[in-house]
Protein backbone atom coordinates (compact mmCIF):
# COMPACT_ATOMS: atom_id res chain seq x y z
CA UNK A 1 0.10 -0.16 0.02
CA UNK A 2 1.50 3.36 -1.04
CA UNK A 3 1.35 6.08 1.89
CA UNK A 4 0.07 9.08 0.03
CA UNK A 5 1.21 11.46 2.70
CA UNK A 6 4.73 10.73 1.70
CA UNK A 7 4.69 11.81 -1.46
CA UNK A 8 4.50 15.50 -3.01
CA UNK A 9 1.65 16.00 -5.47
CA UNK A 10 2.88 16.57 -9.09
CA UNK A 11 3.53 20.12 -9.88
CA UNK A 12 4.23 22.09 -13.25
CA UNK A 13 7.88 23.30 -12.83
CA UNK A 14 8.86 25.89 -15.73
CA UNK A 15 12.68 25.86 -16.36
CA UNK A 16 14.07 29.29 -16.85
CA UNK A 17 17.06 29.40 -19.24
CA UNK A 18 17.08 32.74 -20.50
CA UNK A 19 20.52 34.74 -20.41
CA UNK A 20 18.88 37.49 -18.39
CA UNK A 21 16.80 37.52 -15.27
CA UNK A 22 14.51 39.92 -17.03
CA UNK A 23 14.09 37.53 -19.85
CA UNK A 24 13.42 34.83 -17.39
CA UNK A 25 10.72 37.23 -15.86
CA UNK A 26 9.16 37.75 -19.05
CA UNK A 27 8.99 34.20 -19.82
CA UNK A 28 7.04 33.55 -16.74
CA UNK A 29 4.53 36.21 -17.24
CA UNK A 30 3.73 34.60 -21.02
CA UNK A 31 3.33 31.17 -19.56
CA UNK A 32 0.97 32.61 -16.74
CA UNK A 33 -1.16 33.69 -19.53
CA UNK A 34 -1.62 29.88 -20.57
CA UNK A 35 -3.75 27.21 -19.21
CA UNK A 36 -0.53 25.41 -18.15
CA UNK A 37 0.72 27.99 -15.65
CA UNK A 38 3.51 27.07 -13.57
CA UNK A 39 3.39 26.10 -10.00
CA UNK A 40 7.10 26.45 -9.41
CA UNK A 41 10.05 27.73 -11.28
CA UNK A 42 13.72 26.39 -11.84
CA UNK A 43 16.29 29.23 -12.22
CA UNK A 44 19.02 27.87 -14.53
CA UNK A 45 22.00 30.01 -13.30
CA UNK A 46 24.24 28.47 -15.56
CA UNK A 47 22.43 29.79 -18.60
CA UNK A 48 22.57 33.68 -17.45
CA UNK A 49 25.15 36.14 -18.76
CA UNK A 50 28.23 36.20 -16.39
CA UNK A 51 27.07 39.78 -14.84
CA UNK A 52 23.30 38.57 -14.24
CA UNK A 53 24.94 36.23 -11.40
CA UNK A 54 25.24 39.25 -9.05
CA UNK A 55 21.88 39.90 -9.20
CA UNK A 56 20.27 36.33 -8.90
CA UNK A 57 20.13 36.44 -4.85
CA UNK A 58 16.90 39.07 -5.68
CA UNK A 59 15.24 36.80 -8.00
CA UNK A 60 13.08 34.93 -5.59
CA UNK A 61 11.43 38.32 -4.40
CA UNK A 62 10.46 39.17 -7.84
CA UNK A 63 8.03 36.11 -8.04
CA UNK A 64 5.31 34.71 -6.10
CA UNK A 65 6.22 31.07 -6.75
CA UNK A 66 8.70 28.65 -5.09
CA UNK A 67 12.07 28.78 -6.80
CA UNK A 68 14.68 26.09 -7.43
CA UNK A 69 18.17 27.43 -7.72
CA UNK A 70 20.06 25.30 -10.07
CA UNK A 71 23.75 25.83 -11.40
CA UNK A 72 24.25 22.75 -13.63
CA UNK A 73 27.94 21.89 -14.78
CA UNK A 74 28.89 20.96 -18.03
CA UNK A 75 29.23 17.29 -17.65
CA UNK A 76 25.53 17.13 -16.31
CA UNK A 77 24.18 18.98 -19.32
CA UNK A 78 24.69 22.50 -17.74
CA UNK A 79 26.69 25.53 -18.88
CA UNK A 80 28.56 26.24 -15.88
CA UNK A 81 32.39 26.10 -17.24
CA UNK A 82 34.23 27.05 -13.56
CA UNK A 83 35.52 24.85 -11.15
CA UNK A 84 33.86 23.15 -8.38
CA UNK A 85 35.10 25.87 -6.04
CA UNK A 86 33.77 28.68 -8.18
CA UNK A 87 30.41 27.10 -8.47
CA UNK A 88 30.13 26.75 -4.53
CA UNK A 89 30.89 30.25 -4.20
CA UNK A 90 28.08 31.15 -6.64
CA UNK A 91 25.66 28.95 -4.70
CA UNK A 92 26.60 30.89 -1.59
CA UNK A 93 26.04 34.03 -2.88
CA UNK A 94 22.71 33.43 -4.78
CA UNK A 95 21.33 32.31 -1.24
CA UNK A 96 22.11 35.03 0.83
CA UNK A 97 19.00 36.84 -0.20
CA UNK A 98 18.00 35.83 3.49
CA UNK A 99 20.51 37.56 5.29
CA UNK A 100 19.26 41.04 3.53
CA UNK A 101 15.83 40.38 4.72
CA UNK A 102 14.61 39.32 1.40
CA UNK A 103 12.94 36.04 0.25
CA UNK A 104 15.30 33.08 -0.62
CA UNK A 105 15.23 30.01 -2.73
CA UNK A 106 12.96 27.15 -1.69
CA UNK A 107 15.04 24.62 -3.28
CA UNK A 108 18.59 24.11 -4.25
CA UNK A 109 19.50 21.31 -6.57
CA UNK A 110 22.74 19.91 -5.83
CA UNK A 111 24.39 16.74 -7.58
CA UNK A 112 24.93 13.39 -5.54
CA UNK A 113 28.60 13.85 -6.10
CA UNK A 114 28.76 17.55 -5.14
CA UNK A 115 28.83 17.77 -1.29
CA UNK A 116 29.76 20.94 0.26
CA UNK A 117 28.97 20.67 3.92
CA UNK A 118 29.08 24.32 4.60
CA UNK A 119 26.58 25.11 2.09
CA UNK A 120 24.22 22.37 2.90
CA UNK A 121 24.27 23.59 6.57
CA UNK A 122 23.64 27.18 5.19
CA UNK A 123 20.55 25.72 3.42
CA UNK A 124 19.33 24.03 6.36
CA UNK A 125 19.73 27.26 8.63
CA UNK A 126 18.08 29.28 5.93
CA UNK A 127 15.10 26.57 5.40
CA UNK A 128 16.27 25.97 1.67
CA UNK A 129 15.28 22.25 0.86
CA UNK A 130 17.94 20.31 -0.81
CA UNK A 131 17.02 18.50 -4.01
CA UNK A 132 19.83 15.80 -4.31
CA UNK A 133 19.96 14.76 -8.06
CA UNK A 134 21.85 12.14 -10.25
CA UNK A 135 22.59 12.82 -13.88
CA UNK A 136 23.36 10.41 -16.52
CA UNK A 137 23.11 12.25 -19.89
CA UNK A 138 25.16 10.05 -22.07
CA UNK A 139 23.65 6.56 -21.34
CA UNK A 140 20.88 4.80 -19.43
CA UNK A 141 21.20 4.00 -15.84
CA UNK A 142 21.44 0.41 -15.67
CA UNK A 143 20.71 0.07 -11.80
CA UNK A 144 18.37 2.41 -10.19
CA UNK A 145 18.63 0.71 -7.23
CA UNK A 146 22.41 1.47 -6.73
CA UNK A 147 21.96 5.20 -7.42
CA UNK A 148 18.93 5.74 -5.12
CA UNK A 149 20.80 3.96 -2.16
CA UNK A 150 23.85 6.10 -2.80
CA UNK A 151 21.93 9.33 -2.77
CA UNK A 152 19.94 8.12 0.41
CA UNK A 153 23.10 8.52 2.43
CA UNK A 154 23.18 11.97 1.85
CA UNK A 155 21.33 15.07 3.32
CA UNK A 156 18.53 15.94 1.15
CA UNK A 157 14.73 16.32 1.05
CA UNK A 158 14.06 15.21 -2.47
CA UNK A 159 15.79 12.79 -4.82
CA UNK A 160 15.85 13.40 -8.51
CA UNK A 161 17.29 11.37 -11.15
CA UNK A 162 17.73 12.59 -14.84
CA UNK A 163 18.78 9.95 -17.40
CA UNK A 164 19.26 9.56 -20.89
CA UNK A 165 17.08 7.03 -22.40
CA UNK A 166 17.01 5.26 -25.98
CA UNK A 167 13.39 3.52 -25.46
CA UNK A 168 10.54 2.97 -23.16
CA UNK A 169 12.37 0.09 -21.58
CA UNK A 170 14.68 2.41 -20.43
C-alpha cells in the first residue's frame, strides 16, 4: 500500500533558461497567460550571462512561486564552465538573500557527487530544501537501486534522477 502522505503531488515546474533575469521574468509572465501556468520555477543560473549572477539573490523576491536554484555543470548537461570551488561560491552568493531580509530560494539542486558541508548547513539554517540529483546524460542508468541507495546516504529532502534513454524500456 502506498502512503500518499509521503509523496508531494505533481507540479508543473517551468525551467528558466534565459540569458538575463529580465528575460526569465518575461517568460514567466507569458506562461501565466496559458492554461498550463507553472506552480514552481527552476532558475538555471548556469544559463545566465555572467554579469547577471550578481543579481540572482534578488530573483525569488520578484516572483510569487517556489523557486529552485540550479547551477548545472557541463558534464551534467549544463553550461557552468568554472571549477567546483567557483560553483560553491556562486551557490553561496545566490542564497544570501535571506541575510538581507529578502525571500530566498525554496530549493537548491545539488548533484549527488557535489558535497559542500558548509553550503548544505547554510541551506538548512535558511530553510532551503535540498534536491539531491543524479544525472546520466550519455547513457541509460543500468541500476537505479544503486543510484538511489547512494543518494539516500546524503543530506537531502528530495531525490531527483535525470537519465538518458533510448527506449521506453530504459
